[in-house]
Amino acid sequence: MSQPTSVVLNARETVSQRRAWSRKEDDTIIKLVEKHGTKRWAIISQELNTEIPEVSRSGKQCRTRWLNHLDPDIKREPWSD
């Protein structure tokens, strides 16, 4: 099943594809963070892209995904005053 994509022009005006993260990508990132820790994002992205050939994610994308969605230390409770 193909994820929806959209064409985006980046700062250098080159075309890139933006697509939703899959559960398989999330599971792979979790496994790779357990293996490499939270400092080696370039290596994590290389291994992710090798394990899932149809994926092309950068280290920055992997780091952002981890920090905003996958890190088990994220507090998912409602905001308090």
PDB file of N, CA and C in Angstrom:
ATOM      1  N   MET A   1       0.843  -1.170   0.000  1.00  0.00           N
ATOM      2  CA  MET A   1       0.000   0.000   0.000  1.00  0.00           C
ATOM      3  C   MET A   1       0.890   1.235   0.000  1.00  0.00           C
ATOM      4  N   SER A   2       0.689   2.099  -0.941  1.00  0.00           N
ATOM      5  CA  SER A   2       1.509   3.290  -1.098  1.00  0.00           C
ATOM      6  C   SER A   2       0.971   4.428  -0.239  1.00  0.00           C
ATOM      7  N   GLN A   3       1.889   5.161   0.381  1.00  0.00           N
ATOM      8  CA  GLN A   3       1.517   6.300   1.194  1.00  0.00           C
ATOM      9  C   GLN A   3       1.336   7.521   0.293  1.00  0.00           C
ATOM     10  N   PRO A   4       0.413   8.420   0.643  1.00  0.00           N
ATOM     11  CA  PRO A   4       0.268   9.637  -0.149  1.00  0.00           C
ATOM     12  C   PRO A   4       1.540  10.480  -0.078  1.00  0.00           C
ATOM     13  N   THR A   5       1.880  11.083  -1.182  1.00  0.00           N
ATOM     14  CA  THR A   5       3.066  11.928  -1.221  1.00  0.00           C
ATOM     15  C   THR A   5       2.676  13.307  -1.722  1.00  0.00           C
ATOM     16  N   SER A   6       3.506  14.267  -1.435  1.00  0.00           N
ATOM     17  CA  SER A   6       3.335  15.593  -1.995  1.00  0.00           C
ATOM     18  C   SER A   6       4.705  16.094  -2.411  1.00  0.00           C
ATOM     19  N   VAL A   7       4.725  16.874  -3.458  1.00  0.00           N
ATOM     20  CA  VAL A   7       5.984  17.422  -3.948  1.00  0.00           C
ATOM     21  C   VAL A   7       6.250  18.724  -3.219  1.00  0.00           C
ATOM     22  N   VAL A   8       7.470  18.885  -2.715  1.00  0.00           N
ATOM     23  CA  VAL A   8       7.846  20.056  -1.945  1.00  0.00           C
ATOM     24  C   VAL A   8       9.130  20.618  -2.523  1.00  0.00           C
ATOM     25  N   LEU A   9       9.201  21.930  -2.657  1.00  0.00           N
ATOM     26  CA  LEU A   9      10.444  22.569  -3.061  1.00  0.00           C
ATOM     27  C   LEU A   9      11.172  22.982  -1.800  1.00  0.00           C
ATOM     28  N   ASN A  10      12.430  22.555  -1.679  1.00  0.00           N
ATOM     29  CA  ASN A  10      13.194  22.948  -0.499  1.00  0.00           C
ATOM     30  C   ASN A  10      13.895  24.278  -0.760  1.00  0.00           C
ATOM     31  N   ALA A  11      14.740  24.710   0.148  1.00  0.00           N
ATOM     32  CA  ALA A  11      15.389  26.018   0.061  1.00  0.00           C
ATOM     33  C   ALA A  11      16.205  26.176  -1.219  1.00  0.00           C
ATOM     34  N   ARG A  12      16.705  25.088  -1.760  1.00  0.00           N
ATOM     35  CA  ARG A  12      17.504  25.162  -2.994  1.00  0.00           C
ATOM     36  C   ARG A  12      16.656  24.931  -4.233  1.00  0.00           C
ATOM     37  N   GLU A  13      15.345  24.878  -4.046  1.00  0.00           N
ATOM     38  CA  GLU A  13      14.374  24.701  -5.117  1.00  0.00           C
ATOM     39  C   GLU A  13      14.557  23.392  -5.881  1.00  0.00           C
ATOM     40  N   THR A  14      14.909  22.344  -5.162  1.00  0.00           N
ATOM     41  CA  THR A  14      14.916  21.020  -5.762  1.00  0.00           C
ATOM     42  C   THR A  14      13.665  20.292  -5.292  1.00  0.00           C
ATOM     43  N   VAL A  15      13.229  19.339  -6.050  1.00  0.00           N
ATOM     44  CA  VAL A  15      11.999  18.636  -5.734  1.00  0.00           C
ATOM     45  C   VAL A  15      12.291  17.469  -4.795  1.00  0.00           C
ATOM     46  N   SER A  16      11.515  17.352  -3.732  1.00  0.00           N
ATOM     47  CA  SER A  16      11.619  16.210  -2.837  1.00  0.00           C
ATOM     48  C   SER A  16      10.221  15.670  -2.593  1.00  0.00           C
ATOM     49  N   GLN A  17      10.146  14.405  -2.225  1.00  0.00           N
ATOM     50  CA  GLN A  17       8.861  13.773  -1.947  1.00  0.00           C
ATOM     51  C   GLN A  17       8.658  13.708  -0.435  1.00  0.00           C
ATOM     52  N   ARG A  18       7.488  14.050   0.007  1.00  0.00           N
ATOM     53  CA  ARG A  18       7.150  13.991   1.423  1.00  0.00           C
ATOM     54  C   ARG A  18       6.100  12.902   1.574  1.00  0.00           C
ATOM     55  N   ARG A  19       6.348  11.959   2.494  1.00  0.00           N
ATOM     56  CA  ARG A  19       5.380  10.897   2.697  1.00  0.00           C
ATOM     57  C   ARG A  19       5.256  10.583   4.178  1.00  0.00           C
ATOM     58  N   ALA A  20       4.134  10.004   4.533  1.00  0.00           N
ATOM     59  CA  ALA A  20       3.864   9.664   5.927  1.00  0.00           C
ATOM     60  C   ALA A  20       4.802   8.557   6.388  1.00  0.00           C
ATOM     61  N   TRP A  21       5.066   8.530   7.686  1.00  0.00           N
ATOM     62  CA  TRP A  21       5.894   7.489   8.274  1.00  0.00           C
ATOM     63  C   TRP A  21       5.063   6.219   8.417  1.00  0.00           C
ATOM     64  N   SER A  22       5.670   5.082   8.133  1.00  0.00           N
ATOM     65  CA  SER A  22       4.986   3.803   8.286  1.00  0.00           C
ATOM     66  C   SER A  22       5.317   3.187   9.650  1.00  0.00           C
ATOM     67  N   ARG A  23       4.498   2.239  10.060  1.00  0.00           N
ATOM     68  CA  ARG A  23       4.765   1.533  11.326  1.00  0.00           C
ATOM     69  C   ARG A  23       6.088   0.778  11.229  1.00  0.00           C
ATOM     70  N   LYS A  24       6.397   0.255  10.044  1.00  0.00           N
ATOM     71  CA  LYS A  24       7.652  -0.477   9.844  1.00  0.00           C
ATOM     72  C   LYS A  24       8.850   0.458  10.049  1.00  0.00           C
ATOM     73  N   GLU A  25       8.769   1.676   9.550  1.00  0.00           N
ATOM     74  CA  GLU A  25       9.844   2.651   9.756  1.00  0.00           C
ATOM     75  C   GLU A  25       9.994   2.977  11.242  1.00  0.00           C
ATOM     76  N   ASP A  26       8.858   3.211  11.914  1.00  0.00           N
ATOM     77  CA  ASP A  26       8.900   3.520  13.341  1.00  0.00           C
ATOM     78  C   ASP A  26       9.548   2.387  14.128  1.00  0.00           C
ATOM     79  N   ASP A  27       9.129   1.146  13.843  1.00  0.00           N
ATOM     80  CA  ASP A  27       9.692  -0.009  14.551  1.00  0.00           C
ATOM     81  C   ASP A  27      11.195  -0.131  14.301  1.00  0.00           C
ATOM     82  N   THR A  28      11.606   0.141  13.073  1.00  0.00           N
ATOM     83  CA  THR A  28      13.029   0.053  12.730  1.00  0.00           C
ATOM     84  C   THR A  28      13.822   1.137  13.450  1.00  0.00           C
ATOM     85  N   ILE A  29      13.304   2.343  13.510  1.00  0.00           N
ATOM     86  CA  ILE A  29      13.997   3.424  14.220  1.00  0.00           C
ATOM     87  C   ILE A  29      14.134   3.080  15.696  1.00  0.00           C
ATOM     88  N   ILE A  30      13.079   2.561  16.306  1.00  0.00           N
ATOM     89  CA  ILE A  30      13.147   2.175  17.725  1.00  0.00           C
ATOM     90  C   ILE A  30      14.253   1.146  17.925  1.00  0.00           C
ATOM     91  N   LYS A  31      14.306   0.160  17.061  1.00  0.00           N
ATOM     92  CA  LYS A  31      15.336  -0.885  17.157  1.00  0.00           C
ATOM     93  C   LYS A  31      16.739  -0.292  16.973  1.00  0.00           C
ATOM     94  N   LEU A  32      16.887   0.617  16.016  1.00  0.00           N
ATOM     95  CA  LEU A  32      18.199   1.207  15.744  1.00  0.00           C
ATOM     96  C   LEU A  32      18.644   2.156  16.861  1.00  0.00           C
ATOM     97  N   VAL A  33      17.703   2.843  17.494  1.00  0.00           N
ATOM     98  CA  VAL A  33      18.056   3.696  18.638  1.00  0.00           C
ATOM     99  C   VAL A  33      18.520   2.834  19.804  1.00  0.00           C
ATOM    100  N   GLU A  34      17.886   1.683  19.994  1.00  0.00           N
ATOM    101  CA  GLU A  34      18.346   0.762  21.041  1.00  0.00           C
ATOM    102  C   GLU A  34      19.771   0.291  20.754  1.00  0.00           C
ATOM    103  N   LYS A  35      20.102   0.126  19.485  1.00  0.00           N
ATOM    104  CA  LYS A  35      21.423  -0.356  19.078  1.00  0.00           C
ATOM    105  C   LYS A  35      22.485   0.747  19.130  1.00  0.00           C
ATOM    106  N   HIS A  36      22.159   1.954  18.611  1.00  0.00           N
ATOM    107  CA  HIS A  36      23.156   3.024  18.430  1.00  0.00           C
ATOM    108  C   HIS A  36      23.025   4.193  19.406  1.00  0.00           C
ATOM    109  N   GLY A  37      21.912   4.281  20.117  1.00  0.00           N
ATOM    110  CA  GLY A  37      21.708   5.422  20.997  1.00  0.00           C
ATOM    111  C   GLY A  37      21.105   6.604  20.260  1.00  0.00           C
ATOM    112  N   THR A  38      21.002   7.737  20.953  1.00  0.00           N
ATOM    113  CA  THR A  38      20.320   8.916  20.388  1.00  0.00           C
ATOM    114  C   THR A  38      21.285   9.997  19.907  1.00  0.00           C
ATOM    115  N   LYS A  39      22.469   9.610  19.499  1.00  0.00           N
ATOM    116  CA  LYS A  39      23.451  10.589  19.016  1.00  0.00           C
ATOM    117  C   LYS A  39      23.917  10.304  17.586  1.00  0.00           C
ATOM    118  N   ARG A  40      23.688   9.113  17.067  1.00  0.00           N
ATOM    119  CA  ARG A  40      24.263   8.702  15.782  1.00  0.00           C
ATOM    120  C   ARG A  40      23.195   8.617  14.698  1.00  0.00           C
ATOM    121  N   TRP A  41      22.554   9.752  14.435  1.00  0.00           N
ATOM    122  CA  TRP A  41      21.410   9.792  13.533  1.00  0.00           C
ATOM    123  C   TRP A  41      21.781   9.515  12.087  1.00  0.00           C
ATOM    124  N   ALA A  42      22.966   9.888  11.649  1.00  0.00           N
ATOM    125  CA  ALA A  42      23.381   9.598  10.270  1.00  0.00           C
ATOM    126  C   ALA A  42      23.476   8.091  10.051  1.00  0.00           C
ATOM    127  N   ILE A  43      24.032   7.393  11.028  1.00  0.00           N
ATOM    128  CA  ILE A  43      24.148   5.933  10.931  1.00  0.00           C
ATOM    129  C   ILE A  43      22.760   5.298  10.996  1.00  0.00           C
ATOM    130  N   ILE A  44      21.912   5.805  11.876  1.00  0.00           N
ATOM    131  CA  ILE A  44      20.553   5.275  11.977  1.00  0.00           C
ATOM    132  C   ILE A  44      19.821   5.441  10.659  1.00  0.00           C
ATOM    133  N   SER A  45      19.932   6.598  10.023  1.00  0.00           N
ATOM    134  CA  SER A  45      19.238   6.805   8.748  1.00  0.00           C
ATOM    135  C   SER A  45      19.808   5.908   7.652  1.00  0.00           C
ATOM    136  N   GLN A  46      21.116   5.706   7.629  1.00  0.00           N
ATOM    137  CA  GLN A  46      21.716   4.813   6.637  1.00  0.00           C
ATOM    138  C   GLN A  46      21.181   3.395   6.789  1.00  0.00           C
ATOM    139  N   GLU A  47      21.137   2.911   8.029  1.00  0.00           N
ATOM    140  CA  GLU A  47      20.644   1.549   8.266  1.00  0.00           C
ATOM    141  C   GLU A  47      19.146   1.448   7.984  1.00  0.00           C
ATOM    142  N   LEU A  48      18.374   2.469   8.320  1.00  0.00           N
ATOM    143  CA  LEU A  48      16.949   2.485   8.015  1.00  0.00           C
ATOM    144  C   LEU A  48      16.735   2.386   6.510  1.00  0.00           C
ATOM    145  N   ASN A  49      17.469   3.203   5.759  1.00  0.00           N
ATOM    146  CA  ASN A  49      17.326   3.213   4.301  1.00  0.00           C
ATOM    147  C   ASN A  49      17.806   1.907   3.668  1.00  0.00           C
ATOM    148  N   THR A  50      18.726   1.205   4.331  1.00  0.00           N
ATOM    149  CA  THR A  50      19.191  -0.093   3.845  1.00  0.00           C
ATOM    150  C   THR A  50      18.158  -1.180   4.149  1.00  0.00           C
ATOM    151  N   GLU A  51      17.591  -1.150   5.356  1.00  0.00           N
ATOM    152  CA  GLU A  51      16.613  -2.168   5.756  1.00  0.00           C
ATOM    153  C   GLU A  51      15.293  -2.030   5.013  1.00  0.00           C
ATOM    154  N   ILE A  52      14.915  -0.810   4.701  1.00  0.00           N
ATOM    155  CA  ILE A  52      13.657  -0.554   3.988  1.00  0.00           C
ATOM    156  C   ILE A  52      14.023   0.206   2.703  1.00  0.00           C
ATOM    157  N   PRO A  53      14.299  -0.515   1.616  1.00  0.00           N
ATOM    158  CA  PRO A  53      14.848   0.114   0.405  1.00  0.00           C
ATOM    159  C   PRO A  53      13.990   1.224  -0.209  1.00  0.00           C
ATOM    160  N   GLU A  54      12.675   1.156  -0.054  1.00  0.00           N
ATOM    161  CA  GLU A  54      11.820   2.184  -0.651  1.00  0.00           C
ATOM    162  C   GLU A  54      11.815   3.487   0.144  1.00  0.00           C
ATOM    163  N   VAL A  55      12.574   3.517   1.246  1.00  0.00           N
ATOM    164  CA  VAL A  55      12.634   4.686   2.123  1.00  0.00           C
ATOM    165  C   VAL A  55      13.918   5.466   1.874  1.00  0.00           C
ATOM    166  N   SER A  56      13.812   6.769   1.967  1.00  0.00           N
ATOM    167  CA  SER A  56      14.994   7.623   1.902  1.00  0.00           C
ATOM    168  C   SER A  56      14.829   8.725   2.943  1.00  0.00           C
ATOM    169  N   ARG A  57      15.191   8.407   4.176  1.00  0.00           N
ATOM    170  CA  ARG A  57      15.056   9.358   5.277  1.00  0.00           C
ATOM    171  C   ARG A  57      16.430   9.849   5.714  1.00  0.00           C
ATOM    172  N   SER A  58      16.512  11.119   6.067  1.00  0.00           N
ATOM    173  CA  SER A  58      17.770  11.700   6.536  1.00  0.00           C
ATOM    174  C   SER A  58      17.907  11.489   8.040  1.00  0.00           C
ATOM    175  N   GLY A  59      19.108  11.706   8.544  1.00  0.00           N
ATOM    176  CA  GLY A  59      19.335  11.632   9.980  1.00  0.00           C
ATOM    177  C   GLY A  59      18.487  12.638  10.736  1.00  0.00           C
ATOM    178  N   LYS A  60      18.335  13.830  10.176  1.00  0.00           N
ATOM    179  CA  LYS A  60      17.521  14.860  10.826  1.00  0.00           C
ATOM    180  C   LYS A  60      16.058  14.425  10.905  1.00  0.00           C
ATOM    181  N   GLN A  61      15.544  13.798   9.848  1.00  0.00           N
ATOM    182  CA  GLN A  61      14.170  13.309   9.876  1.00  0.00           C
ATOM    183  C   GLN A  61      13.988  12.227  10.944  1.00  0.00           C
ATOM    184  N   CYS A  62      14.951  11.321  11.036  1.00  0.00           N
ATOM    185  CA  CYS A  62      14.883  10.247  12.031  1.00  0.00           C
ATOM    186  C   CYS A  62      14.914  10.822  13.439  1.00  0.00           C
ATOM    187  N   ARG A  63      15.803  11.786  13.656  1.00  0.00           N
ATOM    188  CA  ARG A  63      15.917  12.418  14.978  1.00  0.00           C
ATOM    189  C   ARG A  63      14.621  13.116  15.359  1.00  0.00           C
ATOM    190  N   THR A  64      14.051  13.860  14.438  1.00  0.00           N
ATOM    191  CA  THR A  64      12.806  14.576  14.700  1.00  0.00           C
ATOM    192  C   THR A  64      11.674  13.599  14.984  1.00  0.00           C
ATOM    193  N   ARG A  65      11.604  12.509  14.217  1.00  0.00           N
ATOM    194  CA  ARG A  65      10.571  11.500  14.448  1.00  0.00           C
ATOM    195  C   ARG A  65      10.717  10.905  15.854  1.00  0.00           C
ATOM    196  N   TRP A  66      11.959  10.614  16.235  1.00  0.00           N
ATOM    197  CA  TRP A  66      12.210  10.057  17.570  1.00  0.00           C
ATOM    198  C   TRP A  66      11.794  11.042  18.666  1.00  0.00           C
ATOM    199  N   LEU A  67      12.272  12.267  18.560  1.00  0.00           N
ATOM    200  CA  LEU A  67      12.034  13.258  19.611  1.00  0.00           C
ATOM    201  C   LEU A  67      10.560  13.634  19.757  1.00  0.00           C
ATOM    202  N   ASN A  68       9.826  13.681  18.647  1.00  0.00           N
ATOM    203  CA  ASN A  68       8.444  14.158  18.691  1.00  0.00           C
ATOM    204  C   ASN A  68       7.391  13.063  18.805  1.00  0.00           C
ATOM    205  N   HIS A  69       7.756  11.804  18.470  1.00  0.00           N
ATOM    206  CA  HIS A  69       6.723  10.765  18.418  1.00  0.00           C
ATOM    207  C   HIS A  69       7.097   9.439  19.069  1.00  0.00           C
ATOM    208  N   LEU A  70       8.338   9.014  18.965  1.00  0.00           N
ATOM    209  CA  LEU A  70       8.695   7.645  19.340  1.00  0.00           C
ATOM    210  C   LEU A  70       9.361   7.505  20.701  1.00  0.00           C
ATOM    211  N   ASP A  71       9.992   8.542  21.191  1.00  0.00           N
ATOM    212  CA  ASP A  71      10.705   8.480  22.467  1.00  0.00           C
ATOM    213  C   ASP A  71       9.739   8.091  23.585  1.00  0.00           C
ATOM    214  N   PRO A  72      10.023   6.996  24.299  1.00  0.00           N
ATOM    215  CA  PRO A  72       9.104   6.566  25.354  1.00  0.00           C
ATOM    216  C   PRO A  72       9.031   7.542  26.537  1.00  0.00           C
ATOM    217  N   ASP A  73       9.946   8.491  26.619  1.00  0.00           N
ATOM    218  CA  ASP A  73       9.926   9.479  27.707  1.00  0.00           C
ATOM    219  C   ASP A  73       8.996  10.662  27.422  1.00  0.00           C
ATOM    220  N   ILE A  74       8.407  10.702  26.232  1.00  0.00           N
ATOM    221  CA  ILE A  74       7.477  11.783  25.904  1.00  0.00           C
ATOM    222  C   ILE A  74       6.259  11.677  26.814  1.00  0.00           C
ATOM    223  N   LYS A  75       5.891  12.800  27.405  1.00  0.00           N
ATOM    224  CA  LYS A  75       4.694  12.837  28.248  1.00  0.00           C
ATOM    225  C   LYS A  75       3.492  13.119  27.343  1.00  0.00           C
ATOM    226  N   ARG A  76       2.565  12.207  27.323  1.00  0.00           N
ATOM    227  CA  ARG A  76       1.397  12.316  26.447  1.00  0.00           C
ATOM    228  C   ARG A  76       0.141  12.754  27.203  1.00  0.00           C
ATOM    229  N   GLU A  77       0.344  13.297  28.383  1.00  0.00           N
ATOM    230  CA  GLU A  77      -0.774  13.758  29.189  1.00  0.00           C
ATOM    231  C   GLU A  77      -1.192  15.157  28.747  1.00  0.00           C
ATOM    232  N   PRO A  78      -2.425  15.553  29.065  1.00  0.00           N
ATOM    233  CA  PRO A  78      -2.843  16.921  28.729  1.00  0.00           C
ATOM    234  C   PRO A  78      -1.964  17.959  29.432  1.00  0.00           C
ATOM    235  N   TRP A  79      -1.851  19.124  28.838  1.00  0.00           N
ATOM    236  CA  TRP A  79      -1.084  20.216  29.433  1.00  0.00           C
ATOM    237  C   TRP A  79      -1.747  20.648  30.724  1.00  0.00           C
ATOM    238  N   SER A  80      -0.948  21.054  31.691  1.00  0.00           N
ATOM    239  CA  SER A  80      -1.503  21.551  32.950  1.00  0.00           C
ATOM    240  C   SER A  80      -1.141  23.028  33.119  1.00  0.00           C
ATOM    241  N   ASP A  81      -1.885  23.697  33.959  1.00  0.00           N
ATOM    242  CA  ASP A  81      -1.621  25.123  34.210  1.00  0.00           C
ATOM    243  C   ASP A  81      -0.566  25.307  35.252  1.00  0.00           C
TER     244      ASP A  81
END
